[in-house]
Amino acid sequence: MAPWYTFWTRSMDIAWGAPQVITKRLTMMNAPWPWPAATVLESQRMVWEKTLAASQAWWSTWLAMWPHLMQAPDKLWRPSARNTQHWVRTANRAMLPYSSTVNANVKRLGKAR
């Protein structure tokens, strides 16, 4: 797939799926206190998923950048078609953990109710 199309697809997955996941989680957390065990586990899972996705995005960006920074860092910032493709691929790698997590949550929370 073309890098721009992949970028667009992942952006749309997040834009479409995140509100659904947020709505379902907030609906679960709107229950009166004390929360059921499933709601407590879901709230803890939410925090861990965000932390893990942020870490994966950071490392994927760093690993995509590292070889280019070591070879010719001054050329990396110059506008060119090659650099644009590189930056789009880097953004795709950074968005992949978020996109896949949102898609998995949409499927998992959709089956829950």
PDB file of N, CA and C in Angstrom:
ATOM      1  N   MET A   1       0.822  -1.170   0.000  1.00  0.00           N
ATOM      2  CA  MET A   1       0.000   0.000   0.000  1.00  0.00           C
ATOM      3  C   MET A   1       0.878   1.250   0.000  1.00  0.00           C
ATOM      4  N   ALA A   2       0.405   2.297  -0.621  1.00  0.00           N
ATOM      5  CA  ALA A   2       1.136   3.553  -0.650  1.00  0.00           C
ATOM      6  C   ALA A   2       1.177   4.154   0.750  1.00  0.00           C
ATOM      7  N   PRO A   3       2.308   4.774   1.128  1.00  0.00           N
ATOM      8  CA  PRO A   3       2.423   5.324   2.482  1.00  0.00           C
ATOM      9  C   PRO A   3       1.340   6.329   2.844  1.00  0.00           C
ATOM     10  N   TRP A   4       0.937   7.181   1.881  1.00  0.00           N
ATOM     11  CA  TRP A   4      -0.101   8.162   2.184  1.00  0.00           C
ATOM     12  C   TRP A   4      -1.437   7.488   2.448  1.00  0.00           C
ATOM     13  N   TYR A   5      -1.740   6.434   1.679  1.00  0.00           N
ATOM     14  CA  TYR A   5      -2.996   5.720   1.875  1.00  0.00           C
ATOM     15  C   TYR A   5      -3.003   5.020   3.231  1.00  0.00           C
ATOM     16  N   THR A   6      -1.875   4.416   3.595  1.00  0.00           N
ATOM     17  CA  THR A   6      -1.761   3.753   4.893  1.00  0.00           C
ATOM     18  C   THR A   6      -1.942   4.767   6.020  1.00  0.00           C
ATOM     19  N   PHE A   7      -1.313   5.922   5.865  1.00  0.00           N
ATOM     20  CA  PHE A   7      -1.448   6.982   6.860  1.00  0.00           C
ATOM     21  C   PHE A   7      -2.909   7.403   7.007  1.00  0.00           C
ATOM     22  N   TRP A   8      -3.579   7.602   5.887  1.00  0.00           N
ATOM     23  CA  TRP A   8      -4.979   7.996   5.901  1.00  0.00           C
ATOM     24  C   TRP A   8      -5.840   6.913   6.545  1.00  0.00           C
ATOM     25  N   THR A   9      -5.600   5.651   6.189  1.00  0.00           N
ATOM     26  CA  THR A   9      -6.378   4.539   6.731  1.00  0.00           C
ATOM     27  C   THR A   9      -6.220   4.447   8.240  1.00  0.00           C
ATOM     28  N   ARG A  10      -4.992   4.544   8.724  1.00  0.00           N
ATOM     29  CA  ARG A  10      -4.772   4.472  10.176  1.00  0.00           C
ATOM     30  C   ARG A  10      -5.399   5.663  10.882  1.00  0.00           C
ATOM     31  N   SER A  11      -5.327   6.825  10.280  1.00  0.00           N
ATOM     32  CA  SER A  11      -5.958   8.015  10.873  1.00  0.00           C
ATOM     33  C   SER A  11      -7.467   7.829  10.965  1.00  0.00           C
ATOM     34  N   MET A  12      -8.072   7.286   9.932  1.00  0.00           N
ATOM     35  CA  MET A  12      -9.515   7.071   9.938  1.00  0.00           C
ATOM     36  C   MET A  12      -9.913   5.976  10.924  1.00  0.00           C
ATOM     37  N   ASP A  13      -9.086   4.929  11.054  1.00  0.00           N
ATOM     38  CA  ASP A  13      -9.367   3.894  12.051  1.00  0.00           C
ATOM     39  C   ASP A  13      -9.427   4.503  13.449  1.00  0.00           C
ATOM     40  N   ILE A  14      -8.473   5.364  13.755  1.00  0.00           N
ATOM     41  CA  ILE A  14      -8.445   6.006  15.067  1.00  0.00           C
ATOM     42  C   ILE A  14      -9.610   6.973  15.214  1.00  0.00           C
ATOM     43  N   ALA A  15      -9.852   7.786  14.193  1.00  0.00           N
ATOM     44  CA  ALA A  15     -10.923   8.781  14.271  1.00  0.00           C
ATOM     45  C   ALA A  15     -12.300   8.135  14.371  1.00  0.00           C
ATOM     46  N   TRP A  16     -12.485   6.985  13.772  1.00  0.00           N
ATOM     47  CA  TRP A  16     -13.775   6.312  13.792  1.00  0.00           C
ATOM     48  C   TRP A  16     -13.923   5.439  15.038  1.00  0.00           C
ATOM     49  N   GLY A  17     -12.857   4.755  15.421  1.00  0.00           N
ATOM     50  CA  GLY A  17     -12.953   3.783  16.506  1.00  0.00           C
ATOM     51  C   GLY A  17     -12.811   4.367  17.896  1.00  0.00           C
ATOM     52  N   ALA A  18     -11.969   5.383  18.068  1.00  0.00           N
ATOM     53  CA  ALA A  18     -11.724   5.938  19.403  1.00  0.00           C
ATOM     54  C   ALA A  18     -13.001   6.465  20.064  1.00  0.00           C
ATOM     55  N   PRO A  19     -13.856   7.222  19.366  1.00  0.00           N
ATOM     56  CA  PRO A  19     -15.089   7.666  20.028  1.00  0.00           C
ATOM     57  C   PRO A  19     -15.993   6.508  20.466  1.00  0.00           C
ATOM     58  N   GLN A  20     -16.009   5.428  19.697  1.00  0.00           N
ATOM     59  CA  GLN A  20     -16.805   4.266  20.093  1.00  0.00           C
ATOM     60  C   GLN A  20     -16.269   3.642  21.373  1.00  0.00           C
ATOM     61  N   VAL A  21     -14.946   3.478  21.430  1.00  0.00           N
ATOM     62  CA  VAL A  21     -14.327   2.885  22.610  1.00  0.00           C
ATOM     63  C   VAL A  21     -14.533   3.787  23.824  1.00  0.00           C
ATOM     64  N   ILE A  22     -14.347   5.075  23.646  1.00  0.00           N
ATOM     65  CA  ILE A  22     -14.525   6.019  24.749  1.00  0.00           C
ATOM     66  C   ILE A  22     -15.961   5.975  25.257  1.00  0.00           C
ATOM     67  N   THR A  23     -16.918   5.953  24.338  1.00  0.00           N
ATOM     68  CA  THR A  23     -18.331   5.913  24.729  1.00  0.00           C
ATOM     69  C   THR A  23     -18.643   4.650  25.521  1.00  0.00           C
ATOM     70  N   LYS A  24     -18.171   3.518  25.046  1.00  0.00           N
ATOM     71  CA  LYS A  24     -18.458   2.256  25.747  1.00  0.00           C
ATOM     72  C   LYS A  24     -17.808   2.217  27.120  1.00  0.00           C
ATOM     73  N   ARG A  25     -16.584   2.725  27.210  1.00  0.00           N
ATOM     74  CA  ARG A  25     -15.904   2.731  28.508  1.00  0.00           C
ATOM     75  C   ARG A  25     -16.565   3.705  29.481  1.00  0.00           C
ATOM     76  N   LEU A  26     -16.942   4.878  29.010  1.00  0.00           N
ATOM     77  CA  LEU A  26     -17.605   5.826  29.895  1.00  0.00           C
ATOM     78  C   LEU A  26     -18.971   5.312  30.337  1.00  0.00           C
ATOM     79  N   THR A  27     -19.649   4.593  29.462  1.00  0.00           N
ATOM     80  CA  THR A  27     -20.924   3.991  29.833  1.00  0.00           C
ATOM     81  C   THR A  27     -20.717   2.966  30.940  1.00  0.00           C
ATOM     82  N   MET A  28     -19.657   2.179  30.828  1.00  0.00           N
ATOM     83  CA  MET A  28     -19.345   1.204  31.874  1.00  0.00           C
ATOM     84  C   MET A  28     -19.020   1.907  33.190  1.00  0.00           C
ATOM     85  N   MET A  29     -18.286   3.005  33.113  1.00  0.00           N
ATOM     86  CA  MET A  29     -17.844   3.702  34.323  1.00  0.00           C
ATOM     87  C   MET A  29     -18.932   4.605  34.897  1.00  0.00           C
ATOM     88  N   ASN A  30     -20.041   4.724  34.211  1.00  0.00           N
ATOM     89  CA  ASN A  30     -21.154   5.525  34.698  1.00  0.00           C
ATOM     90  C   ASN A  30     -22.016   4.749  35.688  1.00  0.00           C
ATOM     91  N   ALA A  31     -21.695   3.499  35.900  1.00  0.00           N
ATOM     92  CA  ALA A  31     -22.455   2.668  36.836  1.00  0.00           C
ATOM     93  C   ALA A  31     -22.269   3.189  38.263  1.00  0.00           C
ATOM     94  N   PRO A  32     -23.256   2.976  39.116  1.00  0.00           N
ATOM     95  CA  PRO A  32     -23.119   3.431  40.498  1.00  0.00           C
ATOM     96  C   PRO A  32     -22.004   2.680  41.223  1.00  0.00           C
ATOM     97  N   TRP A  33     -21.483   3.335  42.229  1.00  0.00           N
ATOM     98  CA  TRP A  33     -20.390   2.760  43.014  1.00  0.00           C
ATOM     99  C   TRP A  33     -20.946   1.706  43.930  1.00  0.00           C
ATOM    100  N   PRO A  34     -20.311   0.627  44.229  1.00  0.00           N
ATOM    101  CA  PRO A  34     -19.017   0.170  43.732  1.00  0.00           C
ATOM    102  C   PRO A  34     -19.149  -0.434  42.339  1.00  0.00           C
ATOM    103  N   TRP A  35     -18.128  -0.187  41.553  1.00  0.00           N
ATOM    104  CA  TRP A  35     -18.114  -0.712  40.189  1.00  0.00           C
ATOM    105  C   TRP A  35     -17.990  -2.227  40.198  1.00  0.00           C
ATOM    106  N   PRO A  36     -18.569  -2.872  39.198  1.00  0.00           N
ATOM    107  CA  PRO A  36     -18.331  -4.313  39.046  1.00  0.00           C
ATOM    108  C   PRO A  36     -16.862  -4.564  38.699  1.00  0.00           C
ATOM    109  N   ALA A  37     -16.423  -5.771  38.919  1.00  0.00           N
ATOM    110  CA  ALA A  37     -15.020  -6.111  38.667  1.00  0.00           C
ATOM    111  C   ALA A  37     -14.633  -5.872  37.208  1.00  0.00           C
ATOM    112  N   ALA A  38     -15.539  -6.131  36.278  1.00  0.00           N
ATOM    113  CA  ALA A  38     -15.237  -5.936  34.854  1.00  0.00           C
ATOM    114  C   ALA A  38     -14.954  -4.466  34.555  1.00  0.00           C
ATOM    115  N   THR A  39     -15.655  -3.554  35.212  1.00  0.00           N
ATOM    116  CA  THR A  39     -15.439  -2.124  34.988  1.00  0.00           C
ATOM    117  C   THR A  39     -14.108  -1.684  35.562  1.00  0.00           C
ATOM    118  N   VAL A  40     -13.756  -2.175  36.742  1.00  0.00           N
ATOM    119  CA  VAL A  40     -12.463  -1.840  37.340  1.00  0.00           C
ATOM    120  C   VAL A  40     -11.329  -2.361  36.459  1.00  0.00           C
ATOM    121  N   LEU A  41     -11.446  -3.574  35.992  1.00  0.00           N
ATOM    122  CA  LEU A  41     -10.415  -4.134  35.115  1.00  0.00           C
ATOM    123  C   LEU A  41     -10.315  -3.351  33.810  1.00  0.00           C
ATOM    124  N   GLU A  42     -11.442  -2.934  33.266  1.00  0.00           N
ATOM    125  CA  GLU A  42     -11.434  -2.160  32.018  1.00  0.00           C
ATOM    126  C   GLU A  42     -10.773  -0.799  32.223  1.00  0.00           C
ATOM    127  N   SER A  43     -11.016  -0.160  33.363  1.00  0.00           N
ATOM    128  CA  SER A  43     -10.378   1.138  33.620  1.00  0.00           C
ATOM    129  C   SER A  43      -8.862   0.981  33.775  1.00  0.00           C
ATOM    130  N   GLN A  44      -8.428  -0.086  34.426  1.00  0.00           N
ATOM    131  CA  GLN A  44      -6.985  -0.334  34.549  1.00  0.00           C
ATOM    132  C   GLN A  44      -6.381  -0.689  33.196  1.00  0.00           C
ATOM    133  N   ARG A  45      -7.096  -1.478  32.429  1.00  0.00           N
ATOM    134  CA  ARG A  45      -6.613  -1.853  31.101  1.00  0.00           C
ATOM    135  C   ARG A  45      -6.454  -0.628  30.210  1.00  0.00           C
ATOM    136  N   MET A  46      -7.384   0.322  30.339  1.00  0.00           N
ATOM    137  CA  MET A  46      -7.338   1.542  29.543  1.00  0.00           C
ATOM    138  C   MET A  46      -6.030   2.290  29.792  1.00  0.00           C
ATOM    139  N   VAL A  47      -5.643   2.438  31.047  1.00  0.00           N
ATOM    140  CA  VAL A  47      -4.408   3.162  31.383  1.00  0.00           C
ATOM    141  C   VAL A  47      -3.191   2.417  30.842  1.00  0.00           C
ATOM    142  N   TRP A  48      -3.157   1.112  31.016  1.00  0.00           N
ATOM    143  CA  TRP A  48      -2.012   0.332  30.534  1.00  0.00           C
ATOM    144  C   TRP A  48      -1.911   0.345  29.019  1.00  0.00           C
ATOM    145  N   GLU A  49      -3.043   0.292  28.335  1.00  0.00           N
ATOM    146  CA  GLU A  49      -3.024   0.338  26.870  1.00  0.00           C
ATOM    147  C   GLU A  49      -2.455   1.653  26.362  1.00  0.00           C
ATOM    148  N   LYS A  50      -2.856   2.744  26.996  1.00  0.00           N
ATOM    149  CA  LYS A  50      -2.344   4.052  26.576  1.00  0.00           C
ATOM    150  C   LYS A  50      -0.838   4.144  26.794  1.00  0.00           C
ATOM    151  N   THR A  51      -0.373   3.670  27.923  1.00  0.00           N
ATOM    152  CA  THR A  51       1.061   3.698  28.238  1.00  0.00           C
ATOM    153  C   THR A  51       1.839   2.833  27.257  1.00  0.00           C
ATOM    154  N   LEU A  52       1.347   1.638  27.000  1.00  0.00           N
ATOM    155  CA  LEU A  52       2.030   0.732  26.081  1.00  0.00           C
ATOM    156  C   LEU A  52       2.045   1.286  24.661  1.00  0.00           C
ATOM    157  N   ALA A  53       0.932   1.811  24.194  1.00  0.00           N
ATOM    158  CA  ALA A  53       0.874   2.360  22.837  1.00  0.00           C
ATOM    159  C   ALA A  53       1.810   3.563  22.695  1.00  0.00           C
ATOM    160  N   ALA A  54       1.879   4.415  23.705  1.00  0.00           N
ATOM    161  CA  ALA A  54       2.789   5.571  23.650  1.00  0.00           C
ATOM    162  C   ALA A  54       4.241   5.113  23.605  1.00  0.00           C
ATOM    163  N   SER A  55       4.567   4.116  24.391  1.00  0.00           N
ATOM    164  CA  SER A  55       5.933   3.579  24.386  1.00  0.00           C
ATOM    165  C   SER A  55       6.269   2.956  23.036  1.00  0.00           C
ATOM    166  N   GLN A  56       5.360   2.174  22.496  1.00  0.00           N
ATOM    167  CA  GLN A  56       5.604   1.552  21.188  1.00  0.00           C
ATOM    168  C   GLN A  56       5.744   2.603  20.097  1.00  0.00           C
ATOM    169  N   ALA A  57       4.921   3.629  20.140  1.00  0.00           N
ATOM    170  CA  ALA A  57       5.005   4.697  19.137  1.00  0.00           C
ATOM    171  C   ALA A  57       6.343   5.426  19.241  1.00  0.00           C
ATOM    172  N   TRP A  58       6.786   5.692  20.458  1.00  0.00           N
ATOM    173  CA  TRP A  58       8.055   6.377  20.645  1.00  0.00           C
ATOM    174  C   TRP A  58       9.207   5.546  20.090  1.00  0.00           C
ATOM    175  N   TRP A  59       9.237   4.266  20.458  1.00  0.00           N
ATOM    176  CA  TRP A  59      10.332   3.406  19.994  1.00  0.00           C
ATOM    177  C   TRP A  59      10.295   3.194  18.488  1.00  0.00           C
ATOM    178  N   SER A  60       9.116   3.055  17.909  1.00  0.00           N
ATOM    179  CA  SER A  60       9.049   2.860  16.457  1.00  0.00           C
ATOM    180  C   SER A  60       9.531   4.108  15.732  1.00  0.00           C
ATOM    181  N   THR A  61       9.206   5.276  16.263  1.00  0.00           N
ATOM    182  CA  THR A  61       9.689   6.522  15.654  1.00  0.00           C
ATOM    183  C   THR A  61      11.196   6.629  15.789  1.00  0.00           C
ATOM    184  N   TRP A  62      11.700   6.341  16.953  1.00  0.00           N
ATOM    185  CA  TRP A  62      13.148   6.408  17.185  1.00  0.00           C
ATOM    186  C   TRP A  62      13.895   5.430  16.280  1.00  0.00           C
ATOM    187  N   LEU A  63      13.418   4.218  16.189  1.00  0.00           N
ATOM    188  CA  LEU A  63      14.101   3.218  15.356  1.00  0.00           C
ATOM    189  C   LEU A  63      14.015   3.554  13.871  1.00  0.00           C
ATOM    190  N   ALA A  64      12.951   4.227  13.462  1.00  0.00           N
ATOM    191  CA  ALA A  64      12.848   4.655  12.063  1.00  0.00           C
ATOM    192  C   ALA A  64      13.790   5.818  11.778  1.00  0.00           C
ATOM    193  N   MET A  65      14.009   6.659  12.755  1.00  0.00           N
ATOM    194  CA  MET A  65      14.849   7.849  12.571  1.00  0.00           C
ATOM    195  C   MET A  65      16.344   7.554  12.713  1.00  0.00           C
ATOM    196  N   TRP A  66      16.700   6.647  13.589  1.00  0.00           N
ATOM    197  CA  TRP A  66      18.104   6.431  13.958  1.00  0.00           C
ATOM    198  C   TRP A  66      19.045   6.216  12.778  1.00  0.00           C
ATOM    199  N   PRO A  67      18.769   5.295  11.850  1.00  0.00           N
ATOM    200  CA  PRO A  67      19.716   5.098  10.743  1.00  0.00           C
ATOM    201  C   PRO A  67      19.914   6.357   9.901  1.00  0.00           C
ATOM    202  N   HIS A  68      18.862   7.117   9.714  1.00  0.00           N
ATOM    203  CA  HIS A  68      18.955   8.330   8.894  1.00  0.00           C
ATOM    204  C   HIS A  68      19.710   9.439   9.619  1.00  0.00           C
ATOM    205  N   LEU A  69      19.572   9.492  10.911  1.00  0.00           N
ATOM    206  CA  LEU A  69      20.291  10.505  11.680  1.00  0.00           C
ATOM    207  C   LEU A  69      21.788  10.219  11.716  1.00  0.00           C
ATOM    208  N   MET A  70      22.151   8.948  11.675  1.00  0.00           N
ATOM    209  CA  MET A  70      23.561   8.581  11.723  1.00  0.00           C
ATOM    210  C   MET A  70      24.245   8.759  10.366  1.00  0.00           C
ATOM    211  N   GLN A  71      23.512   8.621   9.268  1.00  0.00           N
ATOM    212  CA  GLN A  71      24.119   8.726   7.941  1.00  0.00           C
ATOM    213  C   GLN A  71      24.332  10.168   7.519  1.00  0.00           C
ATOM    214  N   ALA A  72      23.269  10.910   7.431  1.00  0.00           N
ATOM    215  CA  ALA A  72      23.371  12.291   6.953  1.00  0.00           C
ATOM    216  C   ALA A  72      22.243  13.122   7.558  1.00  0.00           C
ATOM    217  N   PRO A  73      22.407  13.562   8.792  1.00  0.00           N
ATOM    218  CA  PRO A  73      21.301  14.269   9.437  1.00  0.00           C
ATOM    219  C   PRO A  73      20.922  15.574   8.747  1.00  0.00           C
ATOM    220  N   ASP A  74      21.876  16.223   8.097  1.00  0.00           N
ATOM    221  CA  ASP A  74      21.544  17.484   7.432  1.00  0.00           C
ATOM    222  C   ASP A  74      20.645  17.274   6.213  1.00  0.00           C
ATOM    223  N   LYS A  75      20.773  16.131   5.530  1.00  0.00           N
ATOM    224  CA  LYS A  75      19.955  15.862   4.349  1.00  0.00           C
ATOM    225  C   LYS A  75      18.527  15.445   4.708  1.00  0.00           C
ATOM    226  N   LEU A  76      18.334  14.967   5.921  1.00  0.00           N
ATOM    227  CA  LEU A  76      17.029  14.479   6.326  1.00  0.00           C
ATOM    228  C   LEU A  76      15.995  15.600   6.398  1.00  0.00           C
ATOM    229  N   TRP A  77      16.416  16.801   6.672  1.00  0.00           N
ATOM    230  CA  TRP A  77      15.490  17.913   6.864  1.00  0.00           C
ATOM    231  C   TRP A  77      15.230  18.698   5.582  1.00  0.00           C
ATOM    232  N   ARG A  78      15.959  18.408   4.520  1.00  0.00           N
ATOM    233  CA  ARG A  78      15.742  19.116   3.252  1.00  0.00           C
ATOM    234  C   ARG A  78      14.482  18.606   2.565  1.00  0.00           C
ATOM    235  N   PRO A  79      13.677  19.502   2.013  1.00  0.00           N
ATOM    236  CA  PRO A  79      12.461  19.062   1.319  1.00  0.00           C
ATOM    237  C   PRO A  79      12.802  18.266   0.056  1.00  0.00           C
ATOM    238  N   SER A  80      12.241  17.088  -0.037  1.00  0.00           N
ATOM    239  CA  SER A  80      12.381  16.268  -1.240  1.00  0.00           C
ATOM    240  C   SER A  80      11.309  15.186  -1.188  1.00  0.00           C
ATOM    241  N   ALA A  81      11.054  14.575  -2.331  1.00  0.00           N
ATOM    242  CA  ALA A  81      10.049  13.507  -2.388  1.00  0.00           C
ATOM    243  C   ALA A  81      10.482  12.325  -1.532  1.00  0.00           C
ATOM    244  N   ARG A  82      11.768  12.020  -1.543  1.00  0.00           N
ATOM    245  CA  ARG A  82      12.272  10.887  -0.753  1.00  0.00           C
ATOM    246  C   ARG A  82      12.099  11.138   0.740  1.00  0.00           C
ATOM    247  N   ASN A  83      12.413  12.356   1.169  1.00  0.00           N
ATOM    248  CA  ASN A  83      12.252  12.671   2.586  1.00  0.00           C
ATOM    249  C   ASN A  83      10.786  12.680   2.999  1.00  0.00           C
ATOM    250  N   THR A  84       9.922  13.152   2.110  1.00  0.00           N
ATOM    251  CA  THR A  84       8.498  13.149   2.416  1.00  0.00           C
ATOM    252  C   THR A  84       8.000  11.720   2.600  1.00  0.00           C
ATOM    253  N   GLN A  85       8.404  10.824   1.728  1.00  0.00           N
ATOM    254  CA  GLN A  85       8.021   9.421   1.857  1.00  0.00           C
ATOM    255  C   GLN A  85       8.555   8.835   3.174  1.00  0.00           C
ATOM    256  N   HIS A  86       9.779   9.197   3.524  1.00  0.00           N
ATOM    257  CA  HIS A  86      10.364   8.703   4.779  1.00  0.00           C
ATOM    258  C   HIS A  86       9.538   9.188   5.979  1.00  0.00           C
ATOM    259  N   TRP A  87       9.162  10.468   5.980  1.00  0.00           N
ATOM    260  CA  TRP A  87       8.408  10.999   7.111  1.00  0.00           C
ATOM    261  C   TRP A  87       7.015  10.389   7.188  1.00  0.00           C
ATOM    262  N   VAL A  88       6.413  10.117   6.056  1.00  0.00           N
ATOM    263  CA  VAL A  88       5.085   9.481   6.072  1.00  0.00           C
ATOM    264  C   VAL A  88       5.196   8.056   6.605  1.00  0.00           C
ATOM    265  N   ARG A  89       6.225   7.321   6.185  1.00  0.00           N
ATOM    266  CA  ARG A  89       6.427   5.968   6.717  1.00  0.00           C
ATOM    267  C   ARG A  89       6.706   6.012   8.221  1.00  0.00           C
ATOM    268  N   THR A  90       7.465   6.997   8.668  1.00  0.00           N
ATOM    269  CA  THR A  90       7.738   7.140  10.097  1.00  0.00           C
ATOM    270  C   THR A  90       6.448   7.424  10.863  1.00  0.00           C
ATOM    271  N   ALA A  91       5.602   8.293  10.334  1.00  0.00           N
ATOM    272  CA  ALA A  91       4.311   8.576  10.973  1.00  0.00           C
ATOM    273  C   ALA A  91       3.431   7.326  10.992  1.00  0.00           C
ATOM    274  N   ASN A  92       3.479   6.535   9.928  1.00  0.00           N
ATOM    275  CA  ASN A  92       2.712   5.288   9.897  1.00  0.00           C
ATOM    276  C   ASN A  92       3.161   4.341  10.989  1.00  0.00           C
ATOM    277  N   ARG A  93       4.462   4.224  11.168  1.00  0.00           N
ATOM    278  CA  ARG A  93       4.986   3.343  12.216  1.00  0.00           C
ATOM    279  C   ARG A  93       4.581   3.837  13.599  1.00  0.00           C
ATOM    280  N   ALA A  94       4.573   5.142  13.772  1.00  0.00           N
ATOM    281  CA  ALA A  94       4.193   5.699  15.071  1.00  0.00           C
ATOM    282  C   ALA A  94       2.707   5.511  15.351  1.00  0.00           C
ATOM    283  N   MET A  95       1.879   5.548  14.311  1.00  0.00           N
ATOM    284  CA  MET A  95       0.432   5.425  14.500  1.00  0.00           C
ATOM    285  C   MET A  95      -0.037   3.977  14.603  1.00  0.00           C
ATOM    286  N   LEU A  96       0.769   3.032  14.157  1.00  0.00           N
ATOM    287  CA  LEU A  96       0.352   1.630  14.145  1.00  0.00           C
ATOM    288  C   LEU A  96      -0.083   1.115  15.516  1.00  0.00           C
ATOM    289  N   PRO A  97       0.669   1.355  16.609  1.00  0.00           N
ATOM    290  CA  PRO A  97       0.196   0.837  17.901  1.00  0.00           C
ATOM    291  C   PRO A  97      -1.159   1.401  18.312  1.00  0.00           C
ATOM    292  N   TYR A  98      -1.388   2.679  18.067  1.00  0.00           N
ATOM    293  CA  TYR A  98      -2.673   3.282  18.417  1.00  0.00           C
ATOM    294  C   TYR A  98      -3.794   2.712  17.561  1.00  0.00           C
ATOM    295  N   SER A  99      -3.555   2.609  16.275  1.00  0.00           N
ATOM    296  CA  SER A  99      -4.566   2.115  15.353  1.00  0.00           C
ATOM    297  C   SER A  99      -4.947   0.668  15.671  1.00  0.00           C
ATOM    298  N   SER A 100      -3.957  -0.177  15.882  1.00  0.00           N
ATOM    299  CA  SER A 100      -4.264  -1.584  16.159  1.00  0.00           C
ATOM    300  C   SER A 100      -4.941  -1.754  17.513  1.00  0.00           C
ATOM    301  N   THR A 101      -4.563  -0.938  18.507  1.00  0.00           N
ATOM    302  CA  THR A 101      -5.206  -1.009  19.813  1.00  0.00           C
ATOM    303  C   THR A 101      -6.660  -0.560  19.729  1.00  0.00           C
ATOM    304  N   VAL A 102      -6.915   0.519  19.013  1.00  0.00           N
ATOM    305  CA  VAL A 102      -8.288   0.999  18.857  1.00  0.00           C
ATOM    306  C   VAL A 102      -9.130  -0.041  18.134  1.00  0.00           C
ATOM    307  N   ASN A 103      -8.603  -0.621  17.068  1.00  0.00           N
ATOM    308  CA  ASN A 103      -9.362  -1.640  16.324  1.00  0.00           C
ATOM    309  C   ASN A 103      -9.666  -2.852  17.199  1.00  0.00           C
ATOM    310  N   ALA A 104      -8.678  -3.290  17.987  1.00  0.00           N
ATOM    311  CA  ALA A 104      -8.894  -4.438  18.875  1.00  0.00           C
ATOM    312  C   ALA A 104      -9.942  -4.109  19.939  1.00  0.00           C
ATOM    313  N   ASN A 105      -9.907  -2.888  20.470  1.00  0.00           N
ATOM    314  CA  ASN A 105     -10.880  -2.502  21.485  1.00  0.00           C
ATOM    315  C   ASN A 105     -12.290  -2.398  20.920  1.00  0.00           C
ATOM    316  N   VAL A 106     -12.416  -1.887  19.705  1.00  0.00           N
ATOM    317  CA  VAL A 106     -13.730  -1.807  19.081  1.00  0.00           C
ATOM    318  C   VAL A 106     -14.320  -3.213  18.955  1.00  0.00           C
ATOM    319  N   LYS A 107     -13.516  -4.159  18.508  1.00  0.00           N
ATOM    320  CA  LYS A 107     -14.002  -5.538  18.373  1.00  0.00           C
ATOM    321  C   LYS A 107     -14.320  -6.147  19.722  1.00  0.00           C
ATOM    322  N   ARG A 108     -13.429  -5.983  20.705  1.00  0.00           N
ATOM    323  CA  ARG A 108     -13.609  -6.590  22.020  1.00  0.00           C
ATOM    324  C   ARG A 108     -14.802  -5.987  22.752  1.00  0.00           C
ATOM    325  N   LEU A 109     -14.899  -4.681  22.779  1.00  0.00           N
ATOM    326  CA  LEU A 109     -16.001  -4.034  23.491  1.00  0.00           C
ATOM    327  C   LEU A 109     -17.323  -4.175  22.732  1.00  0.00           C
ATOM    328  N   GLY A 110     -17.265  -4.361  21.439  1.00  0.00           N
ATOM    329  CA  GLY A 110     -18.483  -4.594  20.671  1.00  0.00           C
ATOM    330  C   GLY A 110     -19.104  -5.934  20.996  1.00  0.00           C
ATOM    331  N   LYS A 111     -18.275  -6.914  21.302  1.00  0.00           N
ATOM    332  CA  LYS A 111     -18.771  -8.245  21.659  1.00  0.00           C
ATOM    333  C   LYS A 111     -19.255  -8.301  23.104  1.00  0.00           C
ATOM    334  N   ALA A 112     -18.760  -7.384  23.940  1.00  0.00           N
ATOM    335  CA  ALA A 112     -19.083  -7.437  25.362  1.00  0.00           C
ATOM    336  C   ALA A 112     -20.550  -7.193  25.655  1.00  0.00           C
ATOM    337  N   ARG A 113     -21.189  -6.384  24.811  1.00  0.00           N
ATOM    338  CA  ARG A 113     -22.598  -6.064  25.107  1.00  0.00           C
ATOM    339  C   ARG A 113     -23.464  -6.319  23.940  1.00  0.00           C
TER     340      ARG A 113
END
